[in-house]
Each structure stands twice: as C-alpha cells, then as structure tokens.
C-alpha cells in the first residue's frame, strides 16, 4: 500500500482533465503535489484549489532544457506521474506528418526526456514511484489512429521494460491504460465513444491503482476486455471487426 503522508509527487501534464482531477486526489491524501504543464495560468489556478501543500512549475516536454530546469527547481521527488499528451485523429490515407510527429514527441519522447531527469536518482536511492499513462489503444493498431496509437504502444512497452528492470528494487513502476475520458482531446472525436468517463471517475481508478503493488491497470474493465482479447485474434478477423 502507498504511504502518501509527507511524500512529494510531481505530475507532468496536470493542467486539465485527468491530471487535474488526480492532483486533487493525491493532495487530499496528504502528499505534497507539484504540477507541471505549459499553461502557467491553469497551473496557478489549480495550485490555489488544492487542499494540501502544492506548487507548480511550467515546462514543455518537447524541450530538454525546459525539463532539466524544471527538474532542478522541483528537486527530489518520491513519485512521478506522466500524463502529458496530445491527439489528432487521422488515418494513413490522409497523412498528417506534423501531427503524427508531435503526438510521438509529446506522448512518448517527452516521457523519455522527463524520466531521464527523475529515474537515475530514484534508482540510486532505491526508492520511488513512477506512473506512466498509456491507453487501451496501445494494445493493437486501430484505424484512423496514426501517431496516437503508435505513441501509446510505445509508452506501454517502455513501462513494461522498466517494470522488468526494476520490479525487484525499491522503485515501483506502474502503467495505466484508460479508455475514453471526456477531455478537450476526445472532444475532437466525431464517433461514439463506448465507456466514456469523466476525469473524476478516471482519476479514482488511477489513485486506487497507485495504492496497490500491481503493475498494470486497464479501464473501464468491460471495455478493456475487448482490447486485451483482441491481441489474440488472427489478423483476418481482427481487422474485419475493428474496421
């Protein structure tokens, strides 16, 4: 079980949606919360709302210097939660190279940049907690999801590699794979989104998972079963069903 009291948690990508809701939940459990994103106005407003000790640090996960500066200012942390993400829906028939590149750079490469400033210190002291945000889309390729699904498959694989390396140490690694969450990102979708969750509901799933020693959490449960079972379908059947 996670002991929240007196701990310092750094949430990267916490100005809106799931990150904002999760910051409130962690703060109410007695941990100090540091929130980061690009929007200083939103971060400042969030810190004012939090019930416990809190601060913010503006950063851009696409800028290595920005991350290094923020990490130095934040200092040692007990936990890191990476929630930064961008999304544009498009398929291979109408290629959008700039959007694809940005999704991979923010969702995956940005994660690698941030981890590079946090993981070595945790490993050195043999203590820490890392939570990586992937997605149900990371389990298998989907239509009209160039860039986003690739980035989330990458974050899932990265989390699995880290867990394999650190599972017998004092550094706890976890990954969350949510389905659709009502945010400014999913507002771009023009199709039905089964199991659509509000940020508060999704944050509850995350905070409960963080309090366990389990590695992976995919939710909502019934919807996640479709994606997990789809991994075992032959290609001919899978691509017909998920067209």
Protein backbone atom coordinates (compact mmCIF):
# COMPACT_ATOMS: atom_id res chain seq x y z
CA UNK A 1 0.00 0.00 0.00
CA UNK A 2 1.15 3.55 -0.77
CA UNK A 3 2.01 5.77 2.20
CA UNK A 4 1.08 9.25 0.97
CA UNK A 5 1.88 11.31 4.05
CA UNK A 6 4.90 13.57 3.64
CA UNK A 7 5.63 12.34 0.10
CA UNK A 8 6.29 14.62 -2.88
CA UNK A 9 4.55 13.78 -6.16
CA UNK A 10 5.34 15.52 -9.44
CA UNK A 11 2.52 15.39 -12.00
CA UNK A 12 3.59 16.30 -15.52
CA UNK A 13 0.67 17.23 -17.75
CA UNK A 14 -1.69 18.20 -14.95
CA UNK A 15 -3.34 21.46 -16.04
CA UNK A 16 -6.55 19.83 -17.34
CA UNK A 17 -8.61 16.67 -17.39
CA UNK A 18 -7.29 13.53 -15.74
CA UNK A 19 -4.12 15.21 -14.44
CA UNK A 20 -6.05 17.97 -12.70
CA UNK A 21 -8.50 15.53 -11.12
CA UNK A 22 -5.68 13.26 -9.97
CA UNK A 23 -3.78 16.19 -8.42
CA UNK A 24 -6.79 16.87 -6.18
CA UNK A 25 -6.99 13.24 -5.08
CA UNK A 26 -3.27 12.95 -4.28
CA UNK A 27 -3.33 16.26 -2.42
CA UNK A 28 -6.27 15.14 -0.27
CA UNK A 29 -4.28 12.07 0.75
CA UNK A 30 -1.60 14.20 2.37
CA UNK A 31 1.14 14.28 -0.25
CA UNK A 32 2.80 17.44 -1.48
CA UNK A 33 1.90 17.96 -5.14
CA UNK A 34 3.95 19.69 -7.82
CA UNK A 35 2.09 20.17 -11.10
CA UNK A 36 3.64 20.97 -14.46
CA UNK A 37 2.43 21.81 -17.94
CA UNK A 38 2.85 24.66 -20.43
CA UNK A 39 -0.06 26.81 -19.23
CA UNK A 40 1.01 28.88 -16.22
CA UNK A 41 -2.46 30.34 -15.73
CA UNK A 42 -4.11 26.94 -15.40
CA UNK A 43 -1.36 25.63 -13.14
CA UNK A 44 -1.58 28.63 -10.83
CA UNK A 45 -5.36 28.23 -10.58
CA UNK A 46 -5.03 24.51 -9.84
CA UNK A 47 -2.48 25.05 -7.07
CA UNK A 48 -4.85 27.55 -5.45
CA UNK A 49 -7.58 24.90 -5.41
CA UNK A 50 -5.54 22.06 -3.89
CA UNK A 51 -6.14 21.26 -0.24
CA UNK A 52 -2.55 20.49 0.77
CA UNK A 53 0.95 21.76 0.11
CA UNK A 54 1.31 22.41 -3.61
CA UNK A 55 3.34 24.31 -6.18
CA UNK A 56 3.74 24.46 -9.93
CA UNK A 57 6.50 24.57 -12.48
CA UNK A 58 5.94 25.47 -16.13
CA UNK A 59 7.65 23.17 -18.61
CA UNK A 60 7.47 21.96 -22.20
CA UNK A 61 8.05 18.21 -22.55
CA UNK A 62 9.36 18.80 -26.09
CA UNK A 63 12.20 20.96 -24.75
CA UNK A 64 15.01 19.11 -22.95
CA UNK A 65 16.39 22.33 -21.43
CA UNK A 66 12.95 23.22 -20.06
CA UNK A 67 12.68 19.78 -18.45
CA UNK A 68 16.16 19.95 -16.93
CA UNK A 69 15.45 23.40 -15.49
CA UNK A 70 12.12 22.26 -14.06
CA UNK A 71 13.64 19.11 -12.56
CA UNK A 72 16.34 21.14 -10.80
CA UNK A 73 13.74 23.55 -9.43
CA UNK A 74 11.41 20.78 -8.28
CA UNK A 75 14.18 18.80 -6.62
CA UNK A 76 13.97 15.18 -5.39
CA UNK A 77 10.51 13.61 -5.61
CA UNK A 78 9.03 10.42 -4.23
CA UNK A 79 6.68 9.94 -7.16
CA UNK A 80 6.32 10.95 -10.80
CA UNK A 81 3.11 10.67 -12.81
CA UNK A 82 3.38 11.37 -16.54
CA UNK A 83 0.07 12.49 -18.04
CA UNK A 84 1.14 14.83 -20.86
CA UNK A 85 -0.46 14.01 -24.18
CA UNK A 86 -1.72 15.41 -27.47
CA UNK A 87 -4.05 13.89 -30.02
CA UNK A 88 -5.31 14.44 -33.56
CA UNK A 89 -7.40 11.73 -35.25
CA UNK A 90 -6.36 10.82 -38.79
CA UNK A 91 -5.54 7.78 -40.88
CA UNK A 92 -2.85 6.74 -43.33
CA UNK A 93 -4.98 7.68 -46.35
CA UNK A 94 -4.80 11.34 -45.29
CA UNK A 95 -1.35 11.56 -43.76
CA UNK A 96 -0.59 14.43 -41.37
CA UNK A 97 3.14 14.20 -40.72
CA UNK A 98 3.36 17.20 -38.38
CA UNK A 99 0.57 15.92 -36.14
CA UNK A 100 1.98 12.38 -36.09
CA UNK A 101 5.43 13.65 -35.16
CA UNK A 102 4.09 15.86 -32.37
CA UNK A 103 1.99 13.04 -30.88
CA UNK A 104 5.00 10.75 -30.71
CA UNK A 105 7.25 13.55 -29.42
CA UNK A 106 4.90 14.62 -26.61
CA UNK A 107 3.32 11.30 -25.68
CA UNK A 108 6.41 9.09 -25.89
CA UNK A 109 9.66 11.00 -26.38
CA UNK A 110 8.59 13.63 -23.86
CA UNK A 111 8.09 10.84 -21.35
CA UNK A 112 11.62 9.59 -22.02
CA UNK A 113 13.03 13.10 -21.50
CA UNK A 114 11.26 13.51 -18.15
CA UNK A 115 12.20 10.03 -16.95
CA UNK A 116 15.83 10.81 -17.74
CA UNK A 117 15.77 13.57 -15.13
CA UNK A 118 13.99 11.52 -12.44
CA UNK A 119 14.73 7.81 -12.71
CA UNK A 120 18.51 7.84 -12.02
CA UNK A 121 18.05 9.49 -8.61
CA UNK A 122 15.30 7.04 -7.67
CA UNK A 123 17.45 4.09 -8.69
CA UNK A 124 20.43 5.47 -6.76
CA UNK A 125 18.48 5.74 -3.51
CA UNK A 126 16.46 2.57 -4.30
CA UNK A 127 13.14 4.29 -3.64
CA UNK A 128 10.49 5.91 -5.82
CA UNK A 129 7.18 5.57 -7.62
CA UNK A 130 6.68 6.05 -11.36
CA UNK A 131 3.26 6.03 -13.04
CA UNK A 132 3.10 6.09 -16.84
CA UNK A 133 -0.07 6.90 -18.78
CA UNK A 134 -0.64 4.72 -21.82
CA UNK A 135 -4.03 3.82 -23.35
CA UNK A 136 -6.23 0.92 -24.36
CA UNK A 137 -5.30 1.83 -27.93
CA UNK A 138 -1.76 0.69 -27.19
CA UNK A 139 -2.72 -2.97 -27.25
CA UNK A 140 -3.18 -3.21 -31.02
CA UNK A 141 -3.30 -0.99 -34.12
CA UNK A 142 -6.56 0.80 -34.91
CA UNK A 143 -7.92 2.62 -37.97
CA UNK A 144 -7.64 6.42 -38.15
CA UNK A 145 -5.18 6.47 -35.26
CA UNK A 146 -1.81 7.14 -36.88
CA UNK A 147 0.58 8.66 -34.38
CA UNK A 148 -1.52 8.40 -31.24
CA UNK A 149 -1.81 4.62 -31.10
CA UNK A 150 1.86 4.23 -32.04
CA UNK A 151 2.87 6.59 -29.23
CA UNK A 152 0.73 4.76 -26.67
CA UNK A 153 2.03 1.35 -27.75
CA UNK A 154 5.48 2.81 -27.16
CA UNK A 155 4.63 4.08 -23.67
CA UNK A 156 3.16 0.70 -22.76
CA UNK A 157 6.27 -1.13 -23.98
CA UNK A 158 8.54 1.33 -22.18
CA UNK A 159 6.63 0.79 -18.93
CA UNK A 160 6.89 -2.98 -19.33
CA UNK A 161 10.65 -2.76 -19.88
CA UNK A 162 11.07 -0.53 -16.83
CA UNK A 163 8.98 -2.87 -14.71
CA UNK A 164 11.08 -5.83 -15.86
CA UNK A 165 14.25 -3.98 -14.84
CA UNK A 166 13.06 -2.52 -11.53
CA UNK A 167 10.44 -4.94 -10.20
CA UNK A 168 12.76 -6.35 -7.53
CA UNK A 169 14.02 -2.94 -6.38
CA UNK A 170 12.60 -0.15 -4.25
CA UNK A 171 11.37 1.72 -7.33
CA UNK A 172 7.72 0.91 -8.09
CA UNK A 173 6.70 1.21 -11.75
CA UNK A 174 3.05 1.24 -12.83
CA UNK A 175 1.19 1.87 -16.07
CA UNK A 176 -2.42 2.92 -16.57
CA UNK A 177 -4.34 2.18 -19.77
CA UNK A 178 -7.55 4.22 -19.78
CA UNK A 179 -10.25 4.18 -22.40
CA UNK A 180 -12.11 7.31 -23.46
CA UNK A 181 -12.03 10.21 -20.97
CA UNK A 182 -14.08 13.37 -21.51
CA UNK A 183 -11.40 15.98 -22.23
CA UNK A 184 -10.52 18.56 -24.88
CA UNK A 185 -8.70 15.73 -26.71
CA UNK A 186 -11.66 13.37 -27.01
CA UNK A 187 -13.85 16.34 -27.97
CA UNK A 188 -12.10 16.05 -31.35
CA UNK A 189 -13.71 12.64 -32.00
CA UNK A 190 -16.80 12.52 -34.20
CA UNK A 191 -17.72 8.91 -33.37
CA UNK A 192 -19.42 7.14 -30.48
CA UNK A 193 -17.05 6.52 -27.57
CA UNK A 194 -18.16 3.50 -25.51
CA UNK A 195 -17.49 3.73 -21.78
CA UNK A 196 -16.72 7.46 -21.91
CA UNK A 197 -15.55 8.51 -18.43
CA UNK A 198 -15.47 11.85 -16.68
CA UNK A 199 -11.98 12.90 -15.44
CA UNK A 200 -13.04 12.47 -11.81
CA UNK A 201 -14.15 8.90 -12.44
CA UNK A 202 -10.92 8.04 -14.27
CA UNK A 203 -8.80 9.67 -11.56
CA UNK A 204 -10.45 7.46 -8.96
CA UNK A 205 -9.40 4.40 -10.94
CA UNK A 206 -5.82 5.73 -11.09
CA UNK A 207 -5.50 6.65 -7.42
CA UNK A 208 -6.81 3.25 -6.37
CA UNK A 209 -4.26 1.56 -8.64
CA UNK A 210 -1.44 3.72 -7.28
CA UNK A 211 -2.26 2.46 -3.80
CA UNK A 212 -1.59 -1.15 -4.83
CA UNK A 213 1.51 -3.11 -5.80
CA UNK A 214 0.01 -4.17 -9.13
CA UNK A 215 1.81 -3.13 -12.31
CA UNK A 216 -0.89 -2.60 -14.94
CA UNK A 217 -4.41 -1.18 -14.79
CA UNK A 218 -6.69 -1.14 -17.86
CA UNK A 219 -10.09 0.50 -17.50
CA UNK A 220 -13.05 0.65 -17.74
CA UNK A 221 -12.88 -3.08 -17.12
CA UNK A 222 -15.55 -4.36 -19.53
CA UNK A 223 -14.31 -2.13 -22.37
CA UNK A 224 -10.66 -3.06 -21.73
CA UNK A 225 -11.51 -6.74 -22.18
CA UNK A 226 -12.27 -6.08 -25.85
CA UNK A 227 -8.81 -4.64 -26.46
CA UNK A 228 -6.95 -7.23 -24.41
CA UNK A 229 -8.71 -10.17 -26.04
CA UNK A 230 -8.22 -8.60 -29.49
CA UNK A 231 -4.47 -9.25 -29.14
CA UNK A 232 -5.16 -12.95 -29.66
CA UNK A 233 -7.39 -12.65 -32.74
CA UNK A 234 -5.97 -13.64 -36.15
CA UNK A 235 -5.32 -10.63 -38.38
CA UNK A 236 -8.10 -11.50 -40.84
CA UNK A 237 -10.71 -11.50 -38.07
CA UNK A 238 -9.30 -8.57 -36.09
CA UNK A 239 -9.16 -6.10 -38.98
CA UNK A 240 -12.61 -7.05 -40.16
CA UNK A 241 -14.11 -6.47 -36.71
CA UNK A 242 -12.20 -3.26 -36.00
CA UNK A 243 -12.59 -1.63 -39.39
